[in-house]
C-alpha atoms as a PDB file:
ATOM      1  CA  MET A   1      26.780  15.604  11.654  1.00  0.00           C
ATOM      2  CA  LEU A   2      25.620  18.087  14.271  1.00  0.00           C
ATOM      3  CA  LYS A   3      24.725  20.702  11.448  1.00  0.00           C
ATOM      4  CA  LYS A   4      22.561  18.012   9.860  1.00  0.00           C
ATOM      5  CA  LYS A   5      21.141  16.945  13.294  1.00  0.00           C
ATOM      6  CA  MET A   6      20.091  20.741  13.484  1.00  0.00           C
ATOM      7  CA  PHE A   7      18.871  20.857   9.868  1.00  0.00           C
ATOM      8  CA  VAL A   8      16.165  18.152  10.506  1.00  0.00           C
ATOM      9  CA  GLY A   9      15.384  19.766  13.942  1.00  0.00           C
ATOM     10  CA  LEU A  10      14.537  22.928  12.157  1.00  0.00           C
ATOM     11  CA  LEU A  11      12.376  21.150   9.607  1.00  0.00           C
ATOM     12  CA  ALA A  12      10.470  19.306  12.158  1.00  0.00           C
ATOM     13  CA  VAL A  13       9.549  22.397  13.841  1.00  0.00           C
ATOM     14  CA  ALA A  14       8.330  23.844  10.359  1.00  0.00           C
ATOM     15  CA  PHE A  15       6.539  21.103   9.325  1.00  0.00           C
ATOM     16  CA  ALA A  16       5.404  18.960  12.471  1.00  0.00           C
ATOM     17  CA  ILE A  17       1.959  20.968  13.015  1.00  0.00           C
ATOM     18  CA  PRO A  18      -0.201  20.818  10.404  1.00  0.00           C
ATOM     19  CA  VAL A  19      -2.296  23.860   9.303  1.00  0.00           C
ATOM     20  CA  ALA A  20      -6.192  23.729   9.857  1.00  0.00           C
ATOM     21  CA  ALA A  21      -6.835  22.937   6.435  1.00  0.00           C
ATOM     22  CA  GLN A  22      -4.910  20.159   6.420  1.00  0.00           C
ATOM     23  CA  GLN A  23      -6.928  16.644   7.053  1.00  0.00           C
ATOM     24  CA  ILE A  24      -6.525  14.458   4.459  1.00  0.00           C
ATOM     25  CA  VAL A  25      -4.622  11.232   5.134  1.00  0.00           C
ATOM     26  CA  ASP A  26      -2.755   9.856   2.288  1.00  0.00           C
ATOM     27  CA  VAL A  27      -2.478   6.063   2.884  1.00  0.00           C
ATOM     28  CA  HIS A  28      -0.490   5.199  -0.409  1.00  0.00           C
ATOM     29  CA  SER A  29       2.947   6.911  -0.848  1.00  0.00           C
ATOM     30  CA  HIS A  30       6.265   5.915  -1.053  1.00  0.00           C
ATOM     31  CA  ILE A  31       9.653   6.174   0.406  1.00  0.00           C
ATOM     32  CA  ILE A  32      12.966   5.933  -1.844  1.00  0.00           C
ATOM     33  CA  VAL A  33      16.127   5.868   0.047  1.00  0.00           C
ATOM     34  CA  PRO A  34      19.660   5.795  -1.318  1.00  0.00           C
ATOM     35  CA  GLU A  35      20.557   2.278   0.108  1.00  0.00           C
ATOM     36  CA  TYR A  36      17.648   0.770  -2.078  1.00  0.00           C
ATOM     37  CA  MET A  37      18.351   2.669  -5.096  1.00  0.00           C
ATOM     38  CA  GLU A  38      22.248   1.413  -4.734  1.00  0.00           C
ATOM     39  CA  MET A  39      21.044  -2.090  -4.388  1.00  0.00           C
ATOM     40  CA  LEU A  40      18.976  -1.934  -7.723  1.00  0.00           C
ATOM     41  CA  LYS A  41      22.170  -0.476  -9.350  1.00  0.00           C
ATOM     42  CA  ARG A  42      24.182  -3.531  -8.307  1.00  0.00           C
ATOM     43  CA  HIS A  43      21.915  -5.785  -9.991  1.00  0.00           C
ATOM     44  CA  ASN A  44      21.049  -3.747 -12.920  1.00  0.00           C
ATOM     45  CA  ALA A  45      17.161  -3.347 -12.163  1.00  0.00           C
ATOM     46  CA  GLU A  46      16.491   0.170 -12.046  1.00  0.00           C
ATOM     47  CA  LEU A  47      14.006  -0.680 -14.780  1.00  0.00           C
ATOM     48  CA  GLU A  48      12.774  -3.894 -13.725  1.00  0.00           C
ATOM     49  CA  GLU A  49       9.320  -2.425 -13.510  1.00  0.00           C
ATOM     50  CA  THR A  50       9.427  -1.136 -16.706  1.00  0.00           C
ATOM     51  CA  PHE A  51       9.640   2.536 -15.692  1.00  0.00           C
ATOM     52  CA  PRO A  52      12.467   4.757 -13.678  1.00  0.00           C
ATOM     53  CA  LEU A  53      11.732   5.179 -10.027  1.00  0.00           C
ATOM     54  CA  PRO A  54      11.469   8.764  -9.244  1.00  0.00           C
ATOM     55  CA  ARG A  55      13.251  10.991  -6.907  1.00  0.00           C
ATOM     56  CA  TRP A  56      12.447  11.520  -3.084  1.00  0.00           C
ATOM     57  CA  SER A  57      13.330  13.636  -0.340  1.00  0.00           C
ATOM     58  CA  VAL A  58      11.289  14.459   2.727  1.00  0.00           C
ATOM     59  CA  GLU A  59      11.650  18.022   1.890  1.00  0.00           C
ATOM     60  CA  ARG A  60       9.819  17.620  -1.024  1.00  0.00           C
ATOM     61  CA  HIS A  61       7.298  15.192   0.305  1.00  0.00           C
ATOM     62  CA  LEU A  62       6.192  17.578   3.018  1.00  0.00           C
ATOM     63  CA  GLN A  63       6.170  20.528   0.416  1.00  0.00           C
ATOM     64  CA  PHE A  64       3.693  18.330  -1.940  1.00  0.00           C
ATOM     65  CA  MET A  65       1.720  17.282   1.606  1.00  0.00           C
ATOM     66  CA  ASP A  66       1.354  21.058   2.423  1.00  0.00           C
ATOM     67  CA  SER A  67       0.371  22.158  -0.918  1.00  0.00           C
ATOM     68  CA  MET A  68      -2.378  19.304  -0.940  1.00  0.00           C
ATOM     69  CA  GLY A  69      -3.924  19.650   2.482  1.00  0.00           C
ATOM     70  CA  ILE A  70      -2.367  16.358   3.735  1.00  0.00           C
ATOM     71  CA  GLN A  71      -2.234  16.172   7.397  1.00  0.00           C
ATOM     72  CA  THR A  72      -0.208  12.587   7.125  1.00  0.00           C
ATOM     73  CA  SER A  73       1.413  10.353   4.722  1.00  0.00           C
ATOM     74  CA  VAL A  74       1.396   6.410   5.186  1.00  0.00           C
ATOM     75  CA  LEU A  75       5.194   5.757   3.712  1.00  0.00           C
ATOM     76  CA  THR A  76       5.924   2.349   2.308  1.00  0.00           C
ATOM     77  CA  MET A  77       8.860   1.040  -0.029  1.00  0.00           C
ATOM     78  CA  PRO A  78       8.051   0.667  -3.854  1.00  0.00           C
ATOM     79  CA  ALA A  79       8.437  -2.350  -6.487  1.00  0.00           C
ATOM     80  CA  PRO A  80      10.779  -3.916  -7.393  1.00  0.00           C
ATOM     81  CA  GLN A  81      11.118  -6.424  -4.322  1.00  0.00           C
ATOM     82  CA  PRO A  82      15.097  -5.912  -3.699  1.00  0.00           C
ATOM     83  CA  PHE A  83      15.779  -9.949  -3.833  1.00  0.00           C
ATOM     84  CA  TYR A  84      18.309 -11.181  -6.173  1.00  0.00           C
ATOM     85  CA  GLY A  85      19.046 -14.846  -4.636  1.00  0.00           C
ATOM     86  CA  ASP A  86      21.164 -13.371  -1.713  1.00  0.00           C
ATOM     87  CA  ALA A  87      18.924 -13.330   1.300  1.00  0.00           C
ATOM     88  CA  GLU A  88      21.118 -11.576   3.668  1.00  0.00           C
ATOM     89  CA  GLU A  89      21.824  -8.666   1.172  1.00  0.00           C
ATOM     90  CA  SER A  90      18.057  -8.363   0.859  1.00  0.00           C
ATOM     91  CA  ALA A  91      17.382  -8.510   4.637  1.00  0.00           C
ATOM     92  CA  ARG A  92      19.998  -5.645   5.102  1.00  0.00           C
ATOM     93  CA  CYS A  93      18.434  -3.592   2.301  1.00  0.00           C
ATOM     94  CA  VAL A  94      15.018  -3.902   3.604  1.00  0.00           C
ATOM     95  CA  ARG A  95      16.029  -3.019   7.155  1.00  0.00           C
ATOM     96  CA  ALA A  96      17.751   0.152   6.036  1.00  0.00           C
ATOM     97  CA  VAL A  97      14.467   1.181   4.167  1.00  0.00           C
ATOM     98  CA  ASN A  98      12.666   0.280   7.405  1.00  0.00           C
ATOM     99  CA  GLU A  99      14.838   2.249  10.023  1.00  0.00           C
ATOM    100  CA  ARG A 100      14.919   5.210   7.489  1.00  0.00           C
ATOM    101  CA  ALA A 101      11.187   5.086   7.588  1.00  0.00           C
ATOM    102  CA  ALA A 102      11.112   4.787  11.095  1.00  0.00           C
ATOM    103  CA  GLN A 103      13.160   7.890  11.501  1.00  0.00           C
ATOM    104  CA  VAL A 104      11.316  10.307   9.203  1.00  0.00           C
ATOM    105  CA  LYS A 105       7.974   9.275  11.359  1.00  0.00           C
ATOM    106  CA  ALA A 106       9.862  10.292  14.437  1.00  0.00           C
ATOM    107  CA  ASP A 107      11.256  13.439  13.102  1.00  0.00           C
ATOM    108  CA  PHE A 108       8.196  14.728  11.816  1.00  0.00           C
ATOM    109  CA  PRO A 109       5.312  13.555  14.282  1.00  0.00           C
ATOM    110  CA  GLY A 110       2.045  13.558  12.868  1.00  0.00           C
ATOM    111  CA  ARG A 111       3.111  13.761   9.469  1.00  0.00           C
ATOM    112  CA  PHE A 112       4.342  10.567   8.720  1.00  0.00           C
ATOM    113  CA  LEU A 113       3.345   6.782   9.044  1.00  0.00           C
ATOM    114  CA  PHE A 114       5.100   4.004   7.769  1.00  0.00           C
ATOM    115  CA  CYS A 115       4.428   0.265   6.683  1.00  0.00           C
ATOM    116  CA  ALA A 116       7.403  -1.878   6.842  1.00  0.00           C
ATOM    117  CA  SER A 117       8.618  -3.844   4.214  1.00  0.00           C
ATOM    118  CA  LEU A 118       9.755  -7.658   4.472  1.00  0.00           C
ATOM    119  CA  PRO A 119      12.471  -9.531   2.585  1.00  0.00           C
ATOM    120  CA  LEU A 120      10.590 -11.870   1.013  1.00  0.00           C
ATOM    121  CA  PRO A 121      10.474 -14.700  -0.534  1.00  0.00           C
ATOM    122  CA  ASP A 122      12.642 -15.676   2.370  1.00  0.00           C
ATOM    123  CA  VAL A 123       9.973 -16.503   5.090  1.00  0.00           C
ATOM    124  CA  ASP A 124      12.010 -16.819   7.963  1.00  0.00           C
ATOM    125  CA  ALA A 125      13.716 -13.320   7.622  1.00  0.00           C
ATOM    126  CA  ALA A 126      10.466 -11.791   6.689  1.00  0.00           C
ATOM    127  CA  ILE A 127       9.036 -13.031  10.361  1.00  0.00           C
ATOM    128  CA  ARG A 128      12.360 -11.496  11.813  1.00  0.00           C
ATOM    129  CA  GLU A 129      11.848  -8.333  10.104  1.00  0.00           C
ATOM    130  CA  ALA A 130       8.282  -8.194  10.774  1.00  0.00           C
ATOM    131  CA  ILE A 131       8.562  -8.793  14.511  1.00  0.00           C
ATOM    132  CA  TYR A 132      11.362  -6.142  14.827  1.00  0.00           C
ATOM    133  CA  ALA A 133       9.406  -3.705  12.678  1.00  0.00           C
ATOM    134  CA  LEU A 134       6.207  -3.905  14.261  1.00  0.00           C
ATOM    135  CA  ASP A 135       7.446  -4.524  17.702  1.00  0.00           C
ATOM    136  CA  THR A 136      10.979  -2.157  18.306  1.00  0.00           C
ATOM    137  CA  LEU A 137      10.534   0.138  15.267  1.00  0.00           C
ATOM    138  CA  ARG A 138       6.546   0.485  16.125  1.00  0.00           C
ATOM    139  CA  ALA A 139       5.818   0.388  12.399  1.00  0.00           C
ATOM    140  CA  ASP A 140       2.249   1.201  11.427  1.00  0.00           C
ATOM    141  CA  GLY A 141       1.710  -1.882   9.359  1.00  0.00           C
ATOM    142  CA  ILE A 142       3.445  -4.532   6.722  1.00  0.00           C
ATOM    143  CA  LYS A 143       3.736  -3.487   3.082  1.00  0.00           C
ATOM    144  CA  LEU A 144       3.610  -6.602   0.996  1.00  0.00           C
ATOM    145  CA  ALA A 145       4.182  -6.798  -2.458  1.00  0.00           C
ATOM    146  CA  THR A 146       1.683  -8.889  -4.500  1.00  0.00           C
ATOM    147  CA  ASN A 147       4.237 -11.688  -5.408  1.00  0.00           C
ATOM    148  CA  SER A 148       8.090 -11.927  -4.369  1.00  0.00           C
ATOM    149  CA  ARG A 149       9.601 -13.647  -6.914  1.00  0.00           C
ATOM    150  CA  GLY A 150       6.742 -15.616  -7.932  1.00  0.00           C
ATOM    151  CA  GLN A 151       5.522 -16.435  -4.273  1.00  0.00           C
ATOM    152  CA  TYR A 152       2.208 -14.833  -4.236  1.00  0.00           C
ATOM    153  CA  LEU A 153       0.238 -13.519  -1.382  1.00  0.00           C
ATOM    154  CA  GLY A 154      -2.356 -16.427  -0.151  1.00  0.00           C
ATOM    155  CA  ASP A 155       0.185 -19.018  -0.971  1.00  0.00           C
ATOM    156  CA  GLU A 156       0.254 -21.787   1.678  1.00  0.00           C
ATOM    157  CA  GLU A 157       4.375 -21.220   2.632  1.00  0.00           C
ATOM    158  CA  LEU A 158       2.870 -17.494   3.819  1.00  0.00           C
ATOM    159  CA  ASP A 159       0.764 -18.940   6.694  1.00  0.00           C
ATOM    160  CA  LEU A 160       3.313 -18.916   9.055  1.00  0.00           C
ATOM    161  CA  LEU A 161       3.937 -15.096   8.481  1.00  0.00           C
ATOM    162  CA  MET A 162       0.296 -14.340   8.625  1.00  0.00           C
ATOM    163  CA  GLU A 163      -0.058 -15.950  11.950  1.00  0.00           C
ATOM    164  CA  VAL A 164       2.692 -13.674  13.306  1.00  0.00           C
ATOM    165  CA  LEU A 165       1.027 -10.897  11.767  1.00  0.00           C
ATOM    166  CA  ASP A 166      -2.461 -11.549  13.103  1.00  0.00           C
ATOM    167  CA  GLU A 167      -1.034 -12.025  16.347  1.00  0.00           C
ATOM    168  CA  ARG A 168      -0.088  -8.391  16.263  1.00  0.00           C
ATOM    169  CA  HIS A 169      -3.358  -7.150  14.438  1.00  0.00           C
ATOM    170  CA  ALA A 170      -1.449  -5.762  11.828  1.00  0.00           C
ATOM    171  CA  VAL A 171      -2.680  -3.647   8.740  1.00  0.00           C
ATOM    172  CA  ILE A 172      -1.324  -4.857   5.873  1.00  0.00           C
ATOM    173  CA  VAL A 173      -1.035  -2.831   2.553  1.00  0.00           C
ATOM    174  CA  ILE A 174      -0.623  -4.356  -0.607  1.00  0.00           C
ATOM    175  CA  HIS A 175       1.027  -3.218  -3.325  1.00  0.00           C
ATOM    176  CA  PRO A 176       1.656  -4.549  -7.055  1.00  0.00           C
ATOM    177  CA  HIS A 177       4.921  -5.664  -8.625  1.00  0.00           C
ATOM    178  CA  ARG A 178       5.918  -7.149 -11.704  1.00  0.00           C
ATOM    179  CA  PRO A 179       3.843 -10.447 -12.326  1.00  0.00           C
ATOM    180  CA  THR A 180       6.219 -13.702 -12.342  1.00  0.00           C
ATOM    181  CA  PRO A 181       6.293 -15.062 -15.111  1.00  0.00           C
ATOM    182  CA  TYR A 182       4.650 -12.039 -17.356  1.00  0.00           C
ATOM    183  CA  PRO A 183       4.226 -11.635 -20.918  1.00  0.00           C
ATOM    184  CA  GLU A 184       7.237 -10.008 -22.178  1.00  0.00           C
ATOM    185  CA  LYS A 185       6.208  -8.844 -25.545  1.00  0.00           C
ATOM    186  CA  VAL A 186       2.948  -7.488 -24.290  1.00  0.00           C
ATOM    187  CA  VAL A 187       4.741  -5.378 -21.648  1.00  0.00           C
ATOM    188  CA  GLU A 188       7.248  -3.967 -24.332  1.00  0.00           C
ATOM    189  CA  THR A 189       4.307  -2.103 -25.310  1.00  0.00           C
ATOM    190  CA  THR A 190       1.980  -1.783 -22.470  1.00  0.00           C
ATOM    191  CA  PRO A 191       4.187  -0.929 -19.376  1.00  0.00           C
ATOM    192  CA  LEU A 192       3.113  -2.582 -15.980  1.00  0.00           C
ATOM    193  CA  ALA A 193       1.715   0.242 -14.738  1.00  0.00           C
ATOM    194  CA  MET A 194      -1.123   0.173 -17.633  1.00  0.00           C
ATOM    195  CA  TYR A 195      -2.749  -3.148 -16.970  1.00  0.00           C
ATOM    196  CA  GLU A 196      -0.593  -5.576 -15.378  1.00  0.00           C
ATOM    197  CA  TYR A 197      -0.639  -3.920 -11.687  1.00  0.00           C
ATOM    198  CA  PRO A 198      -4.279  -3.678 -11.403  1.00  0.00           C
ATOM    199  CA  ALA A 199      -4.172  -7.476 -12.945  1.00  0.00           C
ATOM    200  CA  GLU A 200      -1.552  -8.443 -10.567  1.00  0.00           C
ATOM    201  CA  THR A 201      -3.287  -6.899  -7.489  1.00  0.00           C
ATOM    202  CA  THR A 202      -6.808  -8.706  -8.423  1.00  0.00           C
ATOM    203  CA  ARG A 203      -4.799 -12.035  -9.048  1.00  0.00           C
ATOM    204  CA  ALA A 204      -3.128 -11.978  -5.382  1.00  0.00           C
ATOM    205  CA  VAL A 205      -6.461 -10.759  -3.344  1.00  0.00           C
ATOM    206  CA  VAL A 206      -8.271 -13.628  -5.198  1.00  0.00           C
ATOM    207  CA  ASN A 207      -5.836 -16.165  -3.977  1.00  0.00           C
ATOM    208  CA  MET A 208      -6.081 -14.977  -0.549  1.00  0.00           C
ATOM    209  CA  ILE A 209      -9.857 -15.070  -0.808  1.00  0.00           C
ATOM    210  CA  ALA A 210      -9.940 -18.609  -2.262  1.00  0.00           C
ATOM    211  CA  ARG A 211      -7.474 -19.867   0.690  1.00  0.00           C
ATOM    212  CA  ASN A 212      -9.523 -17.807   3.009  1.00  0.00           C
ATOM    213  CA  VAL A 213      -6.657 -16.261   4.246  1.00  0.00           C
ATOM    214  CA  LEU A 214      -8.567 -13.461   5.973  1.00  0.00           C
ATOM    215  CA  VAL A 215     -11.010 -15.785   7.662  1.00  0.00           C
ATOM    216  CA  ARG A 216      -8.285 -17.995   8.979  1.00  0.00           C
ATOM    217  CA  TYR A 217      -6.409 -15.037  10.237  1.00  0.00           C
ATOM    218  CA  PRO A 218      -9.032 -12.726  11.083  1.00  0.00           C
ATOM    219  CA  ASN A 219      -7.262  -9.822  13.053  1.00  0.00           C
ATOM    220  CA  LEU A 220      -5.742  -8.914   9.928  1.00  0.00           C
ATOM    221  CA  LYS A 221      -6.728  -5.706   7.813  1.00  0.00           C
ATOM    222  CA  VAL A 222      -5.732  -5.557   4.321  1.00  0.00           C
ATOM    223  CA  VAL A 223      -5.595  -2.426   2.090  1.00  0.00           C
ATOM    224  CA  VAL A 224      -5.775  -2.953  -1.576  1.00  0.00           C
ATOM    225  CA  PRO A 225      -4.611  -0.541  -3.972  1.00  0.00           C
ATOM    226  CA  HIS A 226      -5.507   1.516  -6.986  1.00  0.00           C
ATOM    227  CA  CYS A 227      -9.543   1.380  -6.277  1.00  0.00           C
ATOM    228  CA  GLY A 228      -9.597  -2.068  -5.599  1.00  0.00           C
ATOM    229  CA  SER A 229      -8.166  -2.947  -9.167  1.00  0.00           C
ATOM    230  CA  PHE A 230     -10.218  -5.406 -10.995  1.00  0.00           C
ATOM    231  CA  LEU A 231     -11.698  -6.615  -8.043  1.00  0.00           C
ATOM    232  CA  PRO A 232     -15.241  -5.009  -8.770  1.00  0.00           C
ATOM    233  CA  LEU A 233     -15.680  -6.983 -11.711  1.00  0.00           C
ATOM    234  CA  ALA A 234     -13.767 -10.050 -11.029  1.00  0.00           C
ATOM    235  CA  LEU A 235     -16.003 -10.718  -7.584  1.00  0.00           C
ATOM    236  CA  PRO A 236     -19.329 -11.189  -9.219  1.00  0.00           C
ATOM    237  CA  ARG A 237     -17.830 -13.375 -11.647  1.00  0.00           C
ATOM    238  CA  MET A 238     -15.989 -15.775  -9.010  1.00  0.00           C
ATOM    239  CA  ARG A 239     -19.234 -15.887  -6.927  1.00  0.00           C
ATOM    240  CA  SER A 240     -21.255 -17.054  -9.763  1.00  0.00           C
ATOM    241  CA  ILE A 241     -18.700 -19.750 -11.128  1.00  0.00           C
ATOM    242  CA  HIS A 242     -17.420 -21.010  -7.512  1.00  0.00           C
ATOM    243  CA  PRO A 243     -20.553 -23.148  -6.733  1.00  0.00           C
ATOM    244  CA  ALA A 244     -20.236 -25.306  -9.760  1.00  0.00           C
ATOM    245  CA  MET A 245     -15.973 -25.165  -9.184  1.00  0.00           C
ATOM    246  CA  GLN A 246     -16.840 -26.269  -5.378  1.00  0.00           C
ATOM    247  CA  ALA A 247     -19.079 -29.187  -6.623  1.00  0.00           C
ATOM    248  CA  GLY A 248     -16.648 -30.502  -8.972  1.00  0.00           C
ATOM    249  CA  GLY A 249     -13.779 -30.534  -6.608  1.00  0.00           C
ATOM    250  CA  PHE A 250     -11.787 -28.029  -7.952  1.00  0.00           C
ATOM    251  CA  MET A 251     -12.220 -25.503  -5.119  1.00  0.00           C
ATOM    252  CA  ALA A 252     -12.717 -25.520  -1.465  1.00  0.00           C
ATOM    253  CA  PRO A 253     -15.609 -23.527   0.129  1.00  0.00           C
ATOM    254  CA  ILE A 254     -15.087 -19.757   0.469  1.00  0.00           C
ATOM    255  CA  ASP A 255     -16.495 -17.180   3.412  1.00  0.00           C
ATOM    256  CA  TRP A 256     -17.380 -14.597   0.961  1.00  0.00           C
ATOM    257  CA  GLU A 257     -18.427 -12.204   3.610  1.00  0.00           C
ATOM    258  CA  GLY A 258     -15.981 -12.797   5.680  1.00  0.00           C
ATOM    259  CA  ASN A 259     -12.851 -12.501   3.514  1.00  0.00           C
ATOM    260  CA  LEU A 260     -14.533  -9.110   2.157  1.00  0.00           C
ATOM    261  CA  LEU A 261     -15.268  -7.612   5.495  1.00  0.00           C
ATOM    262  CA  ARG A 262     -11.356  -7.429   6.153  1.00  0.00           C
ATOM    263  CA  LEU A 263     -10.726  -5.617   2.838  1.00  0.00           C
ATOM    264  CA  TYR A 264     -10.218  -1.853   2.669  1.00  0.00           C
ATOM    265  CA  TYR A 265      -9.301  -0.107  -0.663  1.00  0.00           C
ATOM    266  CA  ASP A 266      -7.366   3.046  -1.414  1.00  0.00           C
ATOM    267  CA  LEU A 267      -8.096   5.678  -4.469  1.00  0.00           C
ATOM    268  CA  ALA A 268      -5.003   5.990  -5.839  1.00  0.00           C
ATOM    269  CA  GLY A 269      -5.145   6.238  -9.609  1.00  0.00           C
ATOM    270  CA  ASN A 270      -7.825   9.265 -10.253  1.00  0.00           C
ATOM    271  CA  PRO A 271     -11.125   7.558  -9.654  1.00  0.00           C
ATOM    272  CA  ALA A 272     -14.003   8.463 -11.601  1.00  0.00           C
ATOM    273  CA  PRO A 273     -17.483   8.453 -10.698  1.00  0.00           C
ATOM    274  CA  GLU A 274     -18.341   5.013 -12.030  1.00  0.00           C
ATOM    275  CA  VAL A 275     -15.267   3.689 -10.360  1.00  0.00           C
ATOM    276  CA  LEU A 276     -16.427   4.578  -7.022  1.00  0.00           C
ATOM    277  CA  ARG A 277     -19.830   3.338  -7.709  1.00  0.00           C
ATOM    278  CA  ALA A 278     -18.353  -0.035  -8.994  1.00  0.00           C
ATOM    279  CA  LEU A 279     -16.301  -0.228  -5.738  1.00  0.00           C
ATOM    280  CA  LEU A 280     -19.006   0.459  -3.637  1.00  0.00           C
ATOM    281  CA  THR A 281     -20.839  -2.588  -4.815  1.00  0.00           C
ATOM    282  CA  ILE A 282     -18.234  -4.803  -2.901  1.00  0.00           C
ATOM    283  CA  THR A 283     -17.725  -2.824   0.267  1.00  0.00           C
ATOM    284  CA  THR A 284     -19.036  -0.051   2.439  1.00  0.00           C
ATOM    285  CA  PRO A 285     -18.174   3.538   2.626  1.00  0.00           C
ATOM    286  CA  GLY A 286     -16.185   3.062   5.534  1.00  0.00           C
ATOM    287  CA  HIS A 287     -13.556   0.654   4.081  1.00  0.00           C
ATOM    288  CA  ILE A 288     -12.765   3.545   1.269  1.00  0.00           C
ATOM    289  CA  LEU A 289      -9.536   5.667   1.829  1.00  0.00           C
ATOM    290  CA  TYR A 290      -7.419   8.431  -0.060  1.00  0.00           C
ATOM    291  CA  GLY A 291      -4.201   7.470  -1.388  1.00  0.00           C
ATOM    292  CA  SER A 292      -2.058   9.777  -3.861  1.00  0.00           C
ATOM    293  CA  ASP A 293       0.915   7.528  -5.095  1.00  0.00           C
ATOM    294  CA  TYR A 294       3.367  10.286  -4.582  1.00  0.00           C
ATOM    295  CA  PRO A 295       6.101  10.579  -5.632  1.00  0.00           C
ATOM    296  CA  TYR A 296       5.285   8.543  -9.124  1.00  0.00           C
ATOM    297  CA  LEU A 297       3.244  11.474 -10.754  1.00  0.00           C
ATOM    298  CA  ALA A 298       4.207  15.044 -10.522  1.00  0.00           C
ATOM    299  CA  ASP A 299       2.638  17.124  -7.867  1.00  0.00           C
ATOM    300  CA  LYS A 300       0.670  18.980 -10.299  1.00  0.00           C
ATOM    301  CA  VAL A 301      -0.975  15.807 -11.763  1.00  0.00           C
ATOM    302  CA  LEU A 302      -1.619  14.397  -8.282  1.00  0.00           C
ATOM    303  CA  ARG A 303      -2.920  17.981  -7.290  1.00  0.00           C
ATOM    304  CA  GLY A 304      -5.483  17.525 -10.380  1.00  0.00           C
ATOM    305  CA  ASN A 305      -6.395  14.081  -9.525  1.00  0.00           C
ATOM    306  CA  LEU A 306      -7.247  15.627  -5.605  1.00  0.00           C
ATOM    307  CA  ASP A 307      -9.051  18.259  -7.131  1.00  0.00           C
ATOM    308  CA  ARG A 308     -11.493  16.065  -9.351  1.00  0.00           C
ATOM    309  CA  LEU A 309     -11.909  13.586  -6.656  1.00  0.00           C
ATOM    310  CA  LYS A 310     -13.231  16.520  -4.182  1.00  0.00           C
ATOM    311  CA  ALA A 311     -15.492  17.478  -7.163  1.00  0.00           C
ATOM    312  CA  THR A 312     -17.128  14.010  -7.363  1.00  0.00           C
ATOM    313  CA  LEU A 313     -17.247  13.646  -3.471  1.00  0.00           C
ATOM    314  CA  ALA A 314     -19.138  16.922  -3.641  1.00  0.00           C
ATOM    315  CA  VAL A 315     -22.090  15.611  -5.722  1.00  0.00           C
ATOM    316  CA  GLU A 316     -25.065  14.212  -3.969  1.00  0.00           C
ATOM    317  CA  ASP A 317     -24.467  10.674  -4.214  1.00  0.00           C
ATOM    318  CA  PHE A 318     -21.111  10.740  -2.393  1.00  0.00           C
ATOM    319  CA  ALA A 319     -21.619  13.997  -0.202  1.00  0.00           C
ATOM    320  CA  PRO A 320     -21.972  12.069   2.935  1.00  0.00           C
ATOM    321  CA  CYS A 321     -18.706  10.078   2.321  1.00  0.00           C
ATOM    322  CA  GLY A 322     -16.534  12.933   1.634  1.00  0.00           C
ATOM    323  CA  GLU A 323     -14.690  13.331   5.002  1.00  0.00           C
ATOM    324  CA  MET A 324     -14.526   9.500   5.680  1.00  0.00           C
ATOM    325  CA  PHE A 325     -12.726   8.883   2.145  1.00  0.00           C
ATOM    326  CA  LEU A 326     -10.360  11.690   2.507  1.00  0.00           C
ATOM    327  CA  GLY A 327      -9.304  11.335   6.163  1.00  0.00           C
ATOM    328  CA  GLY A 328     -11.842   9.793   8.613  1.00  0.00           C
ATOM    329  CA  ASN A 329     -11.513   6.241   7.561  1.00  0.00           C
ATOM    330  CA  ALA A 330      -7.759   6.296   7.803  1.00  0.00           C
ATOM    331  CA  ARG A 331      -7.852   7.751  11.095  1.00  0.00           C
ATOM    332  CA  ALA A 332      -9.866   5.090  12.477  1.00  0.00           C
ATOM    333  CA  LEU A 333      -7.819   2.266  10.474  1.00  0.00           C
ATOM    334  CA  PHE A 334      -4.494   3.602  11.868  1.00  0.00           C
ATOM    335  CA  GLY A 335      -5.371   4.980  14.845  1.00  0.00           C
ATOM    336  CA  ILE A 336      -4.477   8.599  13.739  1.00  0.00           C
ATOM    337  CA  GLN A 337      -5.246  11.562  16.178  1.00  0.00           C
ATOM    338  CA  GLU A 338      -7.929  13.835  14.861  1.00  0.00           C
ATOM    339  CA  PRO A 339      -6.449  16.964  13.079  1.00  0.00           C
ATOM    340  CA  PHE A 340      -6.005  20.287  14.720  1.00  0.00           C
ATOM    341  CA  LYS A 341      -8.955  22.728  14.336  1.00  0.00           C
END
């Protein structure tokens, strides 16, 4: 145990202070711990999301960050949601992930933040974990799955949880999970990450907007992954059709601007210039954040993605936004100190 503590201490010294070039903040990265993997193995769920989970270690993550010029990474638990009918088992697993993430943050100050996971679909257990994570572990936000075994964001049964998070002015990071139900035959030929993940994210956010969740709980700030998924296409259609749906009694009134004001968007997924332009039709430059999706792709692929993003941000249309997208907006959202010069 003593040797382990000494090793962690040496790593902390080596990695705690970023070099001058490290100014990027990565709001979309994952922590994958043994307790989580062991639970998936017990339930033969290692391929539940149709592809294997990558290996993760704090040492490799820090090496990746240093090679990319990343000052700080925000850690979240990946998919799938570790719930297989036993609420207590799920709560234990989620607690282990959250406590490990809190320890990594403490061991490497300034390098990591974390958004705590919750043992949904058990709402009572999720509220208990949210209070513990935010008040005791000092989590920097909450990670929510688009759906937890069919319980979608925006569903009425989550209102009490949203009230608790709203009281704490929580930042919520959304991550897509396998849709429930899902088109099994289609997914056999088109893995979830190819199409269903963007569709799933869009579905969950649309459900939140349709129920005015972000207006009713105005202290929440929600980060939508993967360049807003299909929202730049979906929102204009929704807004054009909504008056007829409302007039016919099929939908309630929607405060569009009030909901959209509280949405942020990460750039995980190698955004092309046309994707950025589409995203800016539904939000402002101050609500766009860099995300890598580490460790789901090889380091060299993620480095290539970042290089292309930097090249895009260097052109005249986007030049004023480069520092904001890569670090400034995330620092403002999470209250991160400015990097060392």
